[in-house]
């Protein structure tokens, strides 16, 4: 029985996605059609239409999966241990020193090879 309900929901997904595409197309057309109107009113209209379109898309199987992914990502981001200001400063200094040393090595290599080629060419 549950499979039949899932099949019906999946079969209606294409209708929902068609409605989403139609609403997006309508929003694009309406934005250009009402170009003479206030930018504020057009922006509010587009935001309302985007919210409605997002809600409809979230009712589909793929949309629900995407919403679940976003919620799980939010939980994972809260678990991240961010570096302190001191750690960030120290790491930045180390990176700058390494970049300077590598640049110096490359400059010396370029200078030496340039001198070698000058001796060979005469």
Foldseek 3Di string as FASTA:
>chain_A
DVVVVVVVLQVCLVVLVVVLVVLVVVLVVVCVVVVVDDPVVNVVVVVVSVVVSLVSNCSHPVNVVVVVVVVVVVVVVVVDDDDDPVVVVVVVVVVVVVVVVVVVVVVVVVVVVVVVVVVVVD
